[in-house]
Amino acid sequence: MNETLKVLKNRRSCRGFKSDIVEKEKIDAIIEAGTYAANGMGKQSPIIIAVTNKELRDRISEENRKIGGWSEDFDPFYNAPVILIVLADKSARTHIYDGTLVMGNLMNAAESLGVNSIWIHRAKEEFESDWGKNLLKELGIEGEYEGIGHRALGYAIADMKPAAPRKKDYVYYVD
């Protein structure tokens, strides 16, 4: 089977990460793959914020936890040491789709490099809040962005389970 198709079929969301940091070369390669995602009219509306600083990672996790309404002992990023945040410029009509395609590229690139990942939501709520707007200012990022998602990266504590069988009516062929 083609290597790309193998990656697409084998990728699973990871909900338990080791504390081991992901190698910078792999993080850079994953991010680069994200920058090559298809996007509307070539506008490249998304941006990626790569968070490897543990203190900032923990601040973002705490805000995400609060938005999700979980108890204080829950980490919505499942202890992943790296968070890639995708935001997209609201002025682009296709910004949500553009950012979503970036998220997909990040996910599949990670899998191809042996790095586990999961898409974590609530980025929209985070970056619409004063907390998120202040964080962007703190980071020197200007513009009107919508949070698309977080890609948590790391190495899994346990082996990933195989894919569930695909549902019977997933595809309809029209000849």
Protein backbone atom coordinates (compact mmCIF):
# COMPACT_ATOMS: atom_id res chain seq x y z
CA MET A 1 0.00 0.00 0.00
CA ASN A 2 1.13 3.55 -0.75
CA GLU A 3 2.85 5.19 2.29
CA THR A 4 0.51 8.20 2.30
CA LEU A 5 -2.57 5.99 2.33
CA LYS A 6 -1.02 3.91 5.11
CA VAL A 7 -0.52 7.05 7.24
CA LEU A 8 -4.11 8.14 6.62
CA LYS A 9 -5.50 4.74 7.59
CA ASN A 10 -3.29 4.19 10.65
CA ARG A 11 -3.51 7.62 12.35
CA ARG A 12 -5.43 7.70 15.62
CA SER A 13 -6.04 10.37 18.25
CA CYS A 14 -3.82 9.97 21.30
CA ARG A 15 -5.25 10.56 24.76
CA GLY A 16 -2.20 9.83 26.87
CA PHE A 17 1.26 11.28 26.23
CA LYS A 18 4.69 10.67 27.72
CA SER A 19 6.52 13.76 28.99
CA ASP A 20 9.31 13.20 26.42
CA ILE A 21 9.79 16.27 24.26
CA VAL A 22 9.38 15.88 20.51
CA GLU A 23 12.59 16.51 18.58
CA LYS A 24 12.80 20.02 17.09
CA GLU A 25 13.48 18.62 13.61
CA LYS A 26 10.21 16.70 13.75
CA ILE A 27 8.26 19.68 15.10
CA ASP A 28 9.68 21.85 12.30
CA ALA A 29 8.80 19.26 9.65
CA ILE A 30 5.24 18.92 10.98
CA ILE A 31 4.81 22.71 10.99
CA GLU A 32 6.20 22.99 7.47
CA ALA A 33 3.64 20.42 6.29
CA GLY A 34 0.95 22.60 7.85
CA THR A 35 2.12 25.61 5.86
CA TYR A 36 1.57 23.66 2.64
CA ALA A 37 -2.12 22.96 3.28
CA ALA A 38 -4.50 23.95 0.52
CA ASN A 39 -6.16 27.31 1.12
CA GLY A 40 -8.70 29.55 -0.55
CA MET A 41 -7.27 31.68 -3.35
CA GLY A 42 -3.74 31.10 -2.04
CA LYS A 43 -4.28 33.67 0.74
CA GLN A 44 -2.59 31.57 3.43
CA SER A 45 -5.00 32.92 6.05
CA PRO A 46 -3.91 30.60 8.90
CA ILE A 47 -1.04 31.05 11.32
CA ILE A 48 0.51 28.42 13.57
CA ILE A 49 1.71 29.13 17.09
CA ALA A 50 4.18 26.45 18.21
CA VAL A 51 4.23 26.12 22.00
CA THR A 52 7.09 24.11 23.49
CA ASN A 53 7.53 26.30 26.57
CA LYS A 54 6.04 24.31 29.47
CA GLU A 55 4.87 27.36 31.43
CA LEU A 56 2.95 28.76 28.45
CA ARG A 57 1.69 25.31 27.51
CA ASP A 58 0.30 24.91 31.04
CA ARG A 59 -1.37 28.36 30.96
CA ILE A 60 -3.11 27.48 27.69
CA SER A 61 -4.14 24.11 29.05
CA GLU A 62 -5.62 25.73 32.16
CA GLU A 63 -7.65 28.20 30.10
CA ASN A 64 -8.87 25.38 27.85
CA ARG A 65 -9.81 23.33 30.93
CA LYS A 66 -11.84 26.21 32.35
CA ILE A 67 -13.71 26.71 29.06
CA GLY A 68 -14.46 22.97 28.94
CA GLY A 69 -15.72 22.98 32.53
CA TRP A 70 -13.49 20.16 33.75
CA SER A 71 -12.09 19.60 37.24
CA GLU A 72 -8.76 21.15 38.20
CA ASP A 73 -6.90 17.83 37.94
CA PHE A 74 -7.81 17.34 34.24
CA ASP A 75 -5.40 18.29 31.44
CA PRO A 76 -7.37 18.70 28.20
CA PHE A 77 -4.10 18.21 26.27
CA TYR A 78 -3.50 14.80 27.88
CA ASN A 79 -0.02 15.86 29.08
CA ALA A 80 1.28 16.40 25.53
CA PRO A 81 4.50 18.44 25.74
CA VAL A 82 3.91 20.35 22.47
CA ILE A 83 0.88 22.34 21.37
CA LEU A 84 0.46 23.74 17.87
CA ILE A 85 -2.32 26.32 17.78
CA VAL A 86 -3.93 27.14 14.45
CA LEU A 87 -5.64 30.49 14.04
CA ALA A 88 -6.97 31.94 10.81
CA ASP A 89 -7.46 35.51 9.61
CA LYS A 90 -11.15 36.31 9.82
CA SER A 91 -10.98 38.59 6.76
CA ALA A 92 -10.53 35.57 4.47
CA ARG A 93 -13.91 34.10 3.49
CA THR A 94 -12.43 30.61 3.63
CA HIS A 95 -10.52 31.03 6.91
CA ILE A 96 -12.25 28.19 8.78
CA TYR A 97 -11.70 25.75 5.92
CA ASP A 98 -8.12 26.94 5.45
CA GLY A 99 -7.33 26.44 9.13
CA THR A 100 -9.00 23.04 9.16
CA LEU A 101 -6.85 21.88 6.27
CA VAL A 102 -3.75 23.06 8.16
CA MET A 103 -4.91 21.00 11.16
CA GLY A 104 -5.26 17.94 8.91
CA ASN A 105 -1.80 18.38 7.42
CA LEU A 106 -0.29 18.74 10.91
CA MET A 107 -2.06 15.58 12.06
CA ASN A 108 -0.99 13.46 9.12
CA ALA A 109 2.57 14.80 9.03
CA ALA A 110 2.93 13.95 12.73
CA GLU A 111 1.75 10.39 12.10
CA SER A 112 4.18 10.01 9.20
CA LEU A 113 7.07 10.93 11.55
CA GLY A 114 6.01 8.60 14.37
CA VAL A 115 4.65 11.46 16.50
CA ASN A 116 1.23 11.01 18.09
CA SER A 117 -1.33 13.80 18.15
CA ILE A 118 -4.89 14.83 18.89
CA TRP A 119 -7.05 17.75 17.79
CA ILE A 120 -8.24 19.69 20.82
CA HIS A 121 -11.10 22.13 20.39
CA ARG A 122 -12.06 25.34 22.22
CA ALA A 123 -9.46 27.49 20.41
CA LYS A 124 -12.31 29.62 19.07
CA GLU A 125 -13.54 30.37 22.58
CA GLU A 126 -10.00 30.92 23.88
CA PHE A 127 -9.06 33.50 21.27
CA GLU A 128 -12.40 35.32 21.30
CA SER A 129 -11.91 35.98 25.02
CA ASP A 130 -9.91 38.77 26.60
CA TRP A 131 -7.51 36.07 27.85
CA GLY A 132 -6.77 34.94 24.29
CA LYS A 133 -6.54 38.45 22.87
CA ASN A 134 -4.09 39.38 25.63
CA LEU A 135 -2.04 36.26 24.93
CA LEU A 136 -1.74 37.22 21.25
CA LYS A 137 -0.62 40.73 22.27
CA GLU A 138 1.91 39.20 24.67
CA LEU A 139 3.25 37.09 21.80
CA GLY A 140 3.38 40.09 19.44
CA ILE A 141 0.71 38.71 17.10
CA GLU A 142 -1.59 41.32 15.59
CA GLY A 143 -4.73 40.85 13.54
CA GLU A 144 -8.26 39.52 13.76
CA TYR A 145 -7.91 35.76 14.09
CA GLU A 146 -10.34 32.96 14.82
CA GLY A 147 -9.08 29.99 16.79
CA ILE A 148 -9.42 26.85 14.69
CA GLY A 149 -7.86 24.22 16.94
CA HIS A 150 -4.94 22.93 18.95
CA ARG A 151 -2.83 20.04 17.72
CA ALA A 152 -1.32 18.38 20.81
CA LEU A 153 1.88 16.48 19.93
CA GLY A 154 3.98 13.93 21.74
CA TYR A 155 4.68 10.24 22.13
CA ALA A 156 1.93 7.91 23.28
CA ILE A 157 2.04 6.15 26.61
CA ALA A 158 0.37 3.10 25.04
CA ASP A 159 -0.11 1.63 21.57
CA MET A 160 -2.93 3.12 19.54
CA LYS A 161 -5.98 0.95 18.97
CA PRO A 162 -6.75 -0.07 15.40
CA ALA A 163 -9.41 1.82 13.48
CA ALA A 164 -13.01 0.88 13.95
CA PRO A 165 -14.61 -0.66 10.87
CA ARG A 166 -15.96 1.97 8.48
CA LYS A 167 -19.73 2.34 8.50
CA LYS A 168 -21.66 0.61 5.74
CA ASP A 169 -23.21 3.75 4.23
CA TYR A 170 -20.11 5.97 4.32
CA VAL A 171 -19.84 6.27 0.53
CA TYR A 172 -22.49 6.41 -2.16
CA TYR A 173 -21.36 5.81 -5.73
CA VAL A 174 -23.36 7.39 -8.50
CA ASP A 175 -22.52 5.92 -11.92
